PDB file of N, CA and C in Angstrom:
ATOM      1  N   MET A   1      49.063-110.407 -19.746  1.00  0.00           N
ATOM      2  CA  MET A   1      47.779-110.497 -19.056  1.00  0.00           C
ATOM      3  C   MET A   1      47.895-109.770 -17.721  1.00  0.00           C
ATOM      4  N   GLU A   2      47.036-108.803 -17.506  1.00  0.00           N
ATOM      5  CA  GLU A   2      47.098-107.987 -16.302  1.00  0.00           C
ATOM      6  C   GLU A   2      46.004-108.421 -15.332  1.00  0.00           C
ATOM      7  N   LEU A   3      46.395-109.045 -14.216  1.00  0.00           N
ATOM      8  CA  LEU A   3      45.433-109.625 -13.286  1.00  0.00           C
ATOM      9  C   LEU A   3      45.054-108.695 -12.143  1.00  0.00           C
ATOM     10  N   LEU A   4      46.000-107.930 -11.647  1.00  0.00           N
ATOM     11  CA  LEU A   4      45.744-107.149 -10.443  1.00  0.00           C
ATOM     12  C   LEU A   4      44.638-106.108 -10.581  1.00  0.00           C
ATOM     13  N   PRO A   5      44.526-105.354 -11.674  1.00  0.00           N
ATOM     14  CA  PRO A   5      43.437-104.380 -11.743  1.00  0.00           C
ATOM     15  C   PRO A   5      42.064-105.019 -11.596  1.00  0.00           C
ATOM     16  N   SER A   6      41.835-106.178 -12.222  1.00  0.00           N
ATOM     17  CA  SER A   6      40.530-106.831 -12.084  1.00  0.00           C
ATOM     18  C   SER A   6      40.347-107.364 -10.665  1.00  0.00           C
ATOM     19  N   LEU A   7      41.423-107.755 -10.048  1.00  0.00           N
ATOM     20  CA  LEU A   7      41.348-108.287  -8.696  1.00  0.00           C
ATOM     21  C   LEU A   7      40.875-107.235  -7.707  1.00  0.00           C
ATOM     22  N   PHE A   8      41.318-105.996  -7.916  1.00  0.00           N
ATOM     23  CA  PHE A   8      40.974-104.933  -6.984  1.00  0.00           C
ATOM     24  C   PHE A   8      39.785-104.104  -7.433  1.00  0.00           C
ATOM     25  N   GLN A   9      39.214-104.418  -8.570  1.00  0.00           N
ATOM     26  CA  GLN A   9      38.057-103.679  -9.070  1.00  0.00           C
ATOM     27  C   GLN A   9      36.899-103.849  -8.086  1.00  0.00           C
ATOM     28  N   GLY A  10      36.230-102.753  -7.792  1.00  0.00           N
ATOM     29  CA  GLY A  10      35.099-102.799  -6.879  1.00  0.00           C
ATOM     30  C   GLY A  10      35.474-102.671  -5.423  1.00  0.00           C
ATOM     31  N   CYS A  11      36.733-102.368  -5.142  1.00  0.00           N
ATOM     32  CA  CYS A  11      37.185-102.280  -3.760  1.00  0.00           C
ATOM     33  C   CYS A  11      37.332-100.850  -3.285  1.00  0.00           C
ATOM     34  N   GLY A  12      36.858 -99.910  -4.065  1.00  0.00           N
ATOM     35  CA  GLY A  12      36.948 -98.514  -3.656  1.00  0.00           C
ATOM     36  C   GLY A  12      36.024 -98.212  -2.495  1.00  0.00           C
ATOM     37  N   ARG A  13      36.259 -97.090  -1.878  1.00  0.00           N
ATOM     38  CA  ARG A  13      35.415 -96.688  -0.752  1.00  0.00           C
ATOM     39  C   ARG A  13      34.041 -96.258  -1.245  1.00  0.00           C
ATOM     40  N   ARG A  14      33.046 -96.630  -0.511  1.00  0.00           N
ATOM     41  CA  ARG A  14      31.679 -96.216  -0.772  1.00  0.00           C
ATOM     42  C   ARG A  14      31.294 -95.208   0.285  1.00  0.00           C
ATOM     43  N   PRO A  15      30.241 -94.452   0.038  1.00  0.00           N
ATOM     44  CA  PRO A  15      29.755 -93.585   1.115  1.00  0.00           C
ATOM     45  C   PRO A  15      29.460 -94.446   2.337  1.00  0.00           C
ATOM     46  N   GLY A  16      29.941 -94.042   3.463  1.00  0.00           N
ATOM     47  CA  GLY A  16      29.740 -94.823   4.675  1.00  0.00           C
ATOM     48  C   GLY A  16      30.953 -95.656   5.041  1.00  0.00           C
ATOM     49  N   GLY A  17      31.964 -95.691   4.185  1.00  0.00           N
ATOM     50  CA  GLY A  17      33.188 -96.408   4.485  1.00  0.00           C
ATOM     51  C   GLY A  17      33.064 -97.897   4.237  1.00  0.00           C
ATOM     52  N   LEU A  18      34.102 -98.641   4.600  1.00  0.00           N
ATOM     53  CA  LEU A  18      34.130-100.070   4.349  1.00  0.00           C
ATOM     54  C   LEU A  18      33.099-100.841   5.151  1.00  0.00           C
ATOM     55  N   GLY A  19      32.610-100.287   6.214  1.00  0.00           N
ATOM     56  CA  GLY A  19      31.601-100.978   7.007  1.00  0.00           C
ATOM     57  C   GLY A  19      30.341-101.257   6.224  1.00  0.00           C
ATOM     58  N   MET A  20      30.127-100.511   5.141  1.00  0.00           N
ATOM     59  CA  MET A  20      28.940-100.692   4.326  1.00  0.00           C
ATOM     60  C   MET A  20      29.188-101.670   3.169  1.00  0.00           C
ATOM     61  N   THR A  21      30.387-102.208   3.060  1.00  0.00           N
ATOM     62  CA  THR A  21      30.746-103.074   1.954  1.00  0.00           C
ATOM     63  C   THR A  21      30.251-104.490   2.204  1.00  0.00           C
ATOM     64  N   ASP A  22      29.731-105.095   1.164  1.00  0.00           N
ATOM     65  CA  ASP A  22      29.253-106.469   1.232  1.00  0.00           C
ATOM     66  C   ASP A  22      30.440-107.416   1.382  1.00  0.00           C
ATOM     67  N   THR A  23      30.414-108.301   2.367  1.00  0.00           N
ATOM     68  CA  THR A  23      31.522-109.225   2.590  1.00  0.00           C
ATOM     69  C   THR A  23      31.661-110.239   1.456  1.00  0.00           C
ATOM     70  N   ASN A  24      30.625-110.418   0.652  1.00  0.00           N
ATOM     71  CA  ASN A  24      30.727-111.341  -0.479  1.00  0.00           C
ATOM     72  C   ASN A  24      31.804-110.906  -1.462  1.00  0.00           C
ATOM     73  N   LEU A  25      32.027-109.613  -1.582  1.00  0.00           N
ATOM     74  CA  LEU A  25      33.078-109.109  -2.459  1.00  0.00           C
ATOM     75  C   LEU A  25      34.428-109.696  -2.052  1.00  0.00           C
ATOM     76  N   PHE A  26      34.735-109.664  -0.767  1.00  0.00           N
ATOM     77  CA  PHE A  26      36.017-110.157  -0.285  1.00  0.00           C
ATOM     78  C   PHE A  26      36.114-111.667  -0.430  1.00  0.00           C
ATOM     79  N   ARG A  27      35.005-112.352  -0.234  1.00  0.00           N
ATOM     80  CA  ARG A  27      34.979-113.800  -0.415  1.00  0.00           C
ATOM     81  C   ARG A  27      35.261-114.156  -1.883  1.00  0.00           C
ATOM     82  N   ARG A  28      34.664-113.401  -2.796  1.00  0.00           N
ATOM     83  CA  ARG A  28      34.900-113.649  -4.222  1.00  0.00           C
ATOM     84  C   ARG A  28      36.363-113.384  -4.589  1.00  0.00           C
ATOM     85  N   LYS A  29      36.934-112.336  -4.026  1.00  0.00           N
ATOM     86  CA  LYS A  29      38.340-112.022  -4.310  1.00  0.00           C
ATOM     87  C   LYS A  29      39.257-113.126  -3.784  1.00  0.00           C
ATOM     88  N   ALA A  30      38.967-113.653  -2.605  1.00  0.00           N
ATOM     89  CA  ALA A  30      39.771-114.748  -2.049  1.00  0.00           C
ATOM     90  C   ALA A  30      39.670-115.987  -2.945  1.00  0.00           C
ATOM     91  N   THR A  31      38.472-116.260  -3.436  1.00  0.00           N
ATOM     92  CA  THR A  31      38.276-117.401  -4.331  1.00  0.00           C
ATOM     93  C   THR A  31      39.070-117.216  -5.620  1.00  0.00           C
ATOM     94  N   GLU A  32      39.069-115.998  -6.157  1.00  0.00           N
ATOM     95  CA  GLU A  32      39.832-115.711  -7.370  1.00  0.00           C
ATOM     96  C   GLU A  32      41.329-115.903  -7.127  1.00  0.00           C
ATOM     97  N   CYS A  33      41.807-115.472  -5.973  1.00  0.00           N
ATOM     98  CA  CYS A  33      43.227-115.641  -5.654  1.00  0.00           C
ATOM     99  C   CYS A  33      43.588-117.116  -5.492  1.00  0.00           C
ATOM    100  N   ARG A  34      42.683-117.908  -4.911  1.00  0.00           N
ATOM    101  CA  ARG A  34      42.923-119.345  -4.790  1.00  0.00           C
ATOM    102  C   ARG A  34      43.069-119.983  -6.176  1.00  0.00           C
ATOM    103  N   ARG A  35      42.208-119.567  -7.087  1.00  0.00           N
ATOM    104  CA  ARG A  35      42.256-120.084  -8.459  1.00  0.00           C
ATOM    105  C   ARG A  35      43.592-119.716  -9.115  1.00  0.00           C
ATOM    106  N   LEU A  36      44.019-118.478  -8.916  1.00  0.00           N
ATOM    107  CA  LEU A  36      45.293-118.031  -9.491  1.00  0.00           C
ATOM    108  C   LEU A  36      46.478-118.756  -8.849  1.00  0.00           C
ATOM    109  N   ALA A  37      46.377-119.052  -7.556  1.00  0.00           N
ATOM    110  CA  ALA A  37      47.445-119.805  -6.883  1.00  0.00           C
ATOM    111  C   ALA A  37      47.541-121.212  -7.468  1.00  0.00           C
ATOM    112  N   ALA A  38      46.398-121.817  -7.729  1.00  0.00           N
ATOM    113  CA  ALA A  38      46.396-123.165  -8.296  1.00  0.00           C
ATOM    114  C   ALA A  38      47.001-123.184  -9.700  1.00  0.00           C
ATOM    115  N   ALA A  39      46.851-122.077 -10.425  1.00  0.00           N
ATOM    116  CA  ALA A  39      47.370-121.985 -11.790  1.00  0.00           C
ATOM    117  C   ALA A  39      48.808-121.464 -11.838  1.00  0.00           C
ATOM    118  N   ALA A  40      49.360-121.080 -10.692  1.00  0.00           N
ATOM    119  CA  ALA A  40      50.705-120.496 -10.660  1.00  0.00           C
ATOM    120  C   ALA A  40      51.743-121.491 -11.166  1.00  0.00           C
ATOM    121  N   ARG A  41      52.721-120.955 -11.859  1.00  0.00           N
ATOM    122  CA  ARG A  41      53.751-121.804 -12.460  1.00  0.00           C
ATOM    123  C   ARG A  41      54.946-122.033 -11.556  1.00  0.00           C
ATOM    124  N   ASN A  42      55.066-121.248 -10.499  1.00  0.00           N
ATOM    125  CA  ASN A  42      56.205-121.459  -9.595  1.00  0.00           C
ATOM    126  C   ASN A  42      55.787-121.183  -8.157  1.00  0.00           C
ATOM    127  N   ALA A  43      56.634-121.603  -7.233  1.00  0.00           N
ATOM    128  CA  ALA A  43      56.320-121.517  -5.808  1.00  0.00           C
ATOM    129  C   ALA A  43      56.162-120.074  -5.327  1.00  0.00           C
ATOM    130  N   ASN A  44      56.969-119.157  -5.858  1.00  0.00           N
ATOM    131  CA  ASN A  44      56.872-117.755  -5.446  1.00  0.00           C
ATOM    132  C   ASN A  44      55.520-117.153  -5.819  1.00  0.00           C
ATOM    133  N   ASP A  45      55.073-117.424  -7.045  1.00  0.00           N
ATOM    134  CA  ASP A  45      53.771-116.903  -7.466  1.00  0.00           C
ATOM    135  C   ASP A  45      52.646-117.515  -6.639  1.00  0.00           C
ATOM    136  N   LYS A  46      52.735-118.809  -6.399  1.00  0.00           N
ATOM    137  CA  LYS A  46      51.713-119.480  -5.601  1.00  0.00           C
ATOM    138  C   LYS A  46      51.654-118.883  -4.197  1.00  0.00           C
ATOM    139  N   ALA A  47      52.819-118.656  -3.599  1.00  0.00           N
ATOM    140  CA  ALA A  47      52.875-118.062  -2.258  1.00  0.00           C
ATOM    141  C   ALA A  47      52.279-116.655  -2.258  1.00  0.00           C
ATOM    142  N   PHE A  48      52.553-115.893  -3.312  1.00  0.00           N
ATOM    143  CA  PHE A  48      51.986-114.547  -3.426  1.00  0.00           C
ATOM    144  C   PHE A  48      50.465-114.596  -3.409  1.00  0.00           C
ATOM    145  N   TRP A  49      49.878-115.436  -4.281  1.00  0.00           N
ATOM    146  CA  TRP A  49      48.409-115.512  -4.364  1.00  0.00           C
ATOM    147  C   TRP A  49      47.803-116.046  -3.071  1.00  0.00           C
ATOM    148  N   LEU A  50      48.445-117.022  -2.443  1.00  0.00           N
ATOM    149  CA  LEU A  50      47.915-117.550  -1.177  1.00  0.00           C
ATOM    150  C   LEU A  50      48.002-116.503  -0.068  1.00  0.00           C
ATOM    151  N   GLY A  51      49.025-115.651  -0.125  1.00  0.00           N
ATOM    152  CA  GLY A  51      49.114-114.537   0.825  1.00  0.00           C
ATOM    153  C   GLY A  51      47.952-113.571   0.652  1.00  0.00           C
ATOM    154  N   LEU A  52      47.577-113.312  -0.600  1.00  0.00           N
ATOM    155  CA  LEU A  52      46.418-112.447  -0.851  1.00  0.00           C
ATOM    156  C   LEU A  52      45.127-113.105  -0.383  1.00  0.00           C
ATOM    157  N   VAL A  53      45.029-114.417  -0.521  1.00  0.00           N
ATOM    158  CA  VAL A  53      43.848-115.128  -0.001  1.00  0.00           C
ATOM    159  C   VAL A  53      43.694-114.837   1.484  1.00  0.00           C
ATOM    160  N   GLU A  54      44.786-114.973   2.223  1.00  0.00           N
ATOM    161  CA  GLU A  54      44.746-114.704   3.666  1.00  0.00           C
ATOM    162  C   GLU A  54      44.322-113.272   3.961  1.00  0.00           C
ATOM    163  N   ARG A  55      44.845-112.328   3.185  1.00  0.00           N
ATOM    164  CA  ARG A  55      44.491-110.916   3.404  1.00  0.00           C
ATOM    165  C   ARG A  55      43.015-110.659   3.135  1.00  0.00           C
ATOM    166  N   TRP A  56      42.498-111.197   2.016  1.00  0.00           N
ATOM    167  CA  TRP A  56      41.072-111.001   1.713  1.00  0.00           C
ATOM    168  C   TRP A  56      40.200-111.620   2.804  1.00  0.00           C
ATOM    169  N   GLN A  57      40.601-112.783   3.303  1.00  0.00           N
ATOM    170  CA  GLN A  57      39.825-113.430   4.364  1.00  0.00           C
ATOM    171  C   GLN A  57      39.871-112.621   5.654  1.00  0.00           C
ATOM    172  N   THR A  58      41.010-112.019   5.945  1.00  0.00           N
ATOM    173  CA  THR A  58      41.126-111.169   7.130  1.00  0.00           C
ATOM    174  C   THR A  58      40.211-109.955   7.010  1.00  0.00           C
ATOM    175  N   VAL A  59      40.237-109.313   5.846  1.00  0.00           N
ATOM    176  CA  VAL A  59      39.368-108.143   5.643  1.00  0.00           C
ATOM    177  C   VAL A  59      37.902-108.555   5.758  1.00  0.00           C
ATOM    178  N   GLU A  60      37.549-109.672   5.139  1.00  0.00           N
ATOM    179  CA  GLU A  60      36.167-110.151   5.208  1.00  0.00           C
ATOM    180  C   GLU A  60      35.715-110.360   6.655  1.00  0.00           C
ATOM    181  N   SER A  61      36.547-111.015   7.452  1.00  0.00           N
ATOM    182  CA  SER A  61      36.148-111.281   8.831  1.00  0.00           C
ATOM    183  C   SER A  61      36.096-109.999   9.662  1.00  0.00           C
ATOM    184  N   GLU A  62      36.992-109.051   9.398  1.00  0.00           N
ATOM    185  CA  GLU A  62      36.951-107.776  10.124  1.00  0.00           C
ATOM    186  C   GLU A  62      35.696-106.984   9.785  1.00  0.00           C
ATOM    187  N   ILE A  63      35.331-106.948   8.509  1.00  0.00           N
ATOM    188  CA  ILE A  63      34.131-106.225   8.094  1.00  0.00           C
ATOM    189  C   ILE A  63      32.889-106.900   8.657  1.00  0.00           C
ATOM    190  N   ALA A  64      32.866-108.217   8.649  1.00  0.00           N
ATOM    191  CA  ALA A  64      31.704-108.954   9.156  1.00  0.00           C
ATOM    192  C   ALA A  64      31.478-108.700  10.644  1.00  0.00           C
ATOM    193  N   ARG A  65      32.545-108.425  11.382  1.00  0.00           N
ATOM    194  CA  ARG A  65      32.421-108.185  12.824  1.00  0.00           C
ATOM    195  C   ARG A  65      31.968-106.773  13.162  1.00  0.00           C
ATOM    196  N   ARG A  66      32.084-105.857  12.211  1.00  0.00           N
ATOM    197  CA  ARG A  66      31.703-104.468  12.491  1.00  0.00           C
ATOM    198  C   ARG A  66      30.196-104.358  12.643  1.00  0.00           C
ATOM    199  N   PRO A  67      29.760-103.650  13.670  1.00  0.00           N
ATOM    200  CA  PRO A  67      28.320-103.479  13.846  1.00  0.00           C
ATOM    201  C   PRO A  67      27.742-102.526  12.804  1.00  0.00           C
ATOM    202  N   VAL A  68      26.497-102.763  12.450  1.00  0.00           N
ATOM    203  CA  VAL A  68      25.790-101.864  11.549  1.00  0.00           C
ATOM    204  C   VAL A  68      25.323-100.686  12.393  1.00  0.00           C
ATOM    205  N   PRO A  69      25.586 -99.452  11.961  1.00  0.00           N
ATOM    206  CA  PRO A  69      25.149 -98.293  12.741  1.00  0.00           C
ATOM    207  C   PRO A  69      23.633 -98.317  12.942  1.00  0.00           C
ATOM    208  N   ASP A  70      23.193 -98.031  14.168  1.00  0.00           N
ATOM    209  CA  ASP A  70      21.770 -98.034  14.485  1.00  0.00           C
ATOM    210  C   ASP A  70      21.006 -96.951  13.738  1.00  0.00           C
ATOM    211  N   LYS A  71      21.654 -95.807  13.510  1.00  0.00           N
ATOM    212  CA  LYS A  71      20.945 -94.678  12.933  1.00  0.00           C
ATOM    213  C   LYS A  71      20.614 -94.866  11.458  1.00  0.00           C
ATOM    214  N   CYS A  72      21.298 -95.787  10.783  1.00  0.00           N
ATOM    215  CA  CYS A  72      21.045 -95.951   9.352  1.00  0.00           C
ATOM    216  C   CYS A  72      21.323 -97.379   8.932  1.00  0.00           C
ATOM    217  N   ARG A  73      20.308 -98.070   8.515  1.00  0.00           N
ATOM    218  CA  ARG A  73      20.481 -99.413   7.984  1.00  0.00           C
ATOM    219  C   ARG A  73      20.057 -99.453   6.518  1.00  0.00           C
ATOM    220  N   SER A  74      20.084 -98.281   5.872  1.00  0.00           N
ATOM    221  CA  SER A  74      19.704 -98.175   4.467  1.00  0.00           C
ATOM    222  C   SER A  74      20.789 -98.778   3.585  1.00  0.00           C
ATOM    223  N   PRO A  75      20.402 -99.285   2.411  1.00  0.00           N
ATOM    224  CA  PRO A  75      21.420 -99.765   1.468  1.00  0.00           C
ATOM    225  C   PRO A  75      22.309 -98.609   1.023  1.00  0.00           C
ATOM    226  N   PRO A  76      23.547 -98.913   0.589  1.00  0.00           N
ATOM    227  CA  PRO A  76      24.433 -97.857   0.099  1.00  0.00           C
ATOM    228  C   PRO A  76      23.756 -97.075  -1.019  1.00  0.00           C
ATOM    229  N   GLY A  77      23.965 -95.793  -1.026  1.00  0.00           N
ATOM    230  CA  GLY A  77      23.392 -94.945  -2.052  1.00  0.00           C
ATOM    231  C   GLY A  77      22.066 -94.325  -1.657  1.00  0.00           C
ATOM    232  N   ARG A  78      21.416 -94.867  -0.647  1.00  0.00           N
ATOM    233  CA  ARG A  78      20.169 -94.276  -0.167  1.00  0.00           C
ATOM    234  C   ARG A  78      20.479 -93.405   1.022  1.00  0.00           C
ATOM    235  N   GLN A  79      19.810 -92.308   1.096  1.00  0.00           N
ATOM    236  CA  GLN A  79      20.063 -91.377   2.175  1.00  0.00           C
ATOM    237  C   GLN A  79      19.314 -91.817   3.424  1.00  0.00           C
ATOM    238  N   CYS A  80      19.951 -91.718   4.564  1.00  0.00           N
ATOM    239  CA  CYS A  80      19.322 -92.068   5.828  1.00  0.00           C
ATOM    240  C   CYS A  80      18.260 -91.020   6.180  1.00  0.00           C
ATOM    241  N   GLU A  81      17.217 -91.495   6.774  1.00  0.00           N
ATOM    242  CA  GLU A  81      16.201 -90.557   7.260  1.00  0.00           C
ATOM    243  C   GLU A  81      16.697 -89.966   8.562  1.00  0.00           C
ATOM    244  N   ASN A  82      16.362 -88.728   8.785  1.00  0.00           N
ATOM    245  CA  ASN A  82      16.723 -88.097  10.041  1.00  0.00           C
ATOM    246  C   ASN A  82      15.673 -88.533  11.059  1.00  0.00           C
ATOM    247  N   LEU A  83      16.013 -89.503  11.876  1.00  0.00           N
ATOM    248  CA  LEU A  83      15.061 -90.089  12.808  1.00  0.00           C
ATOM    249  C   LEU A  83      14.665 -89.139  13.931  1.00  0.00           C
ATOM    250  N   SER A  84      15.540 -88.194  14.223  1.00  0.00           N
ATOM    251  CA  SER A  84      15.242 -87.291  15.340  1.00  0.00           C
ATOM    252  C   SER A  84      14.336 -86.135  14.911  1.00  0.00           C
ATOM    253  N   ALA A  85      14.256 -85.874  13.614  1.00  0.00           N
ATOM    254  CA  ALA A  85      13.435 -84.749  13.132  1.00  0.00           C
ATOM    255  C   ALA A  85      12.075 -85.257  12.680  1.00  0.00           C
ATOM    256  N   LYS A  86      11.079 -84.870  13.375  1.00  0.00           N
ATOM    257  CA  LYS A  86       9.720 -85.242  13.003  1.00  0.00           C
ATOM    258  C   LYS A  86       8.967 -83.968  12.687  1.00  0.00           C
ATOM    259  N   GLY A  87       8.390 -83.896  11.503  1.00  0.00           N
ATOM    260  CA  GLY A  87       7.803 -82.647  11.116  1.00  0.00           C
ATOM    261  C   GLY A  87       6.475 -82.779  10.618  1.00  0.00           C
TER     262      GLY A  87
END
């Protein structure tokens, strides 16, 4: 059973960088790691998964603190309007 690829699925960079990433993704990954830690058969595996929980929570809090750029508050995939060009 291969767990890591599914764990990291959806974590690639999007246009606009990680600042545009929904923090719910990281919260879901932390929850998944907690579940895997609870199911771990030995202390080393449990420690590994709990370490990943901490990392996902750190990333989530760092992303949540980043300001949204003023020039573009569009959802990912939509192009920002050029606010300075009026025609």
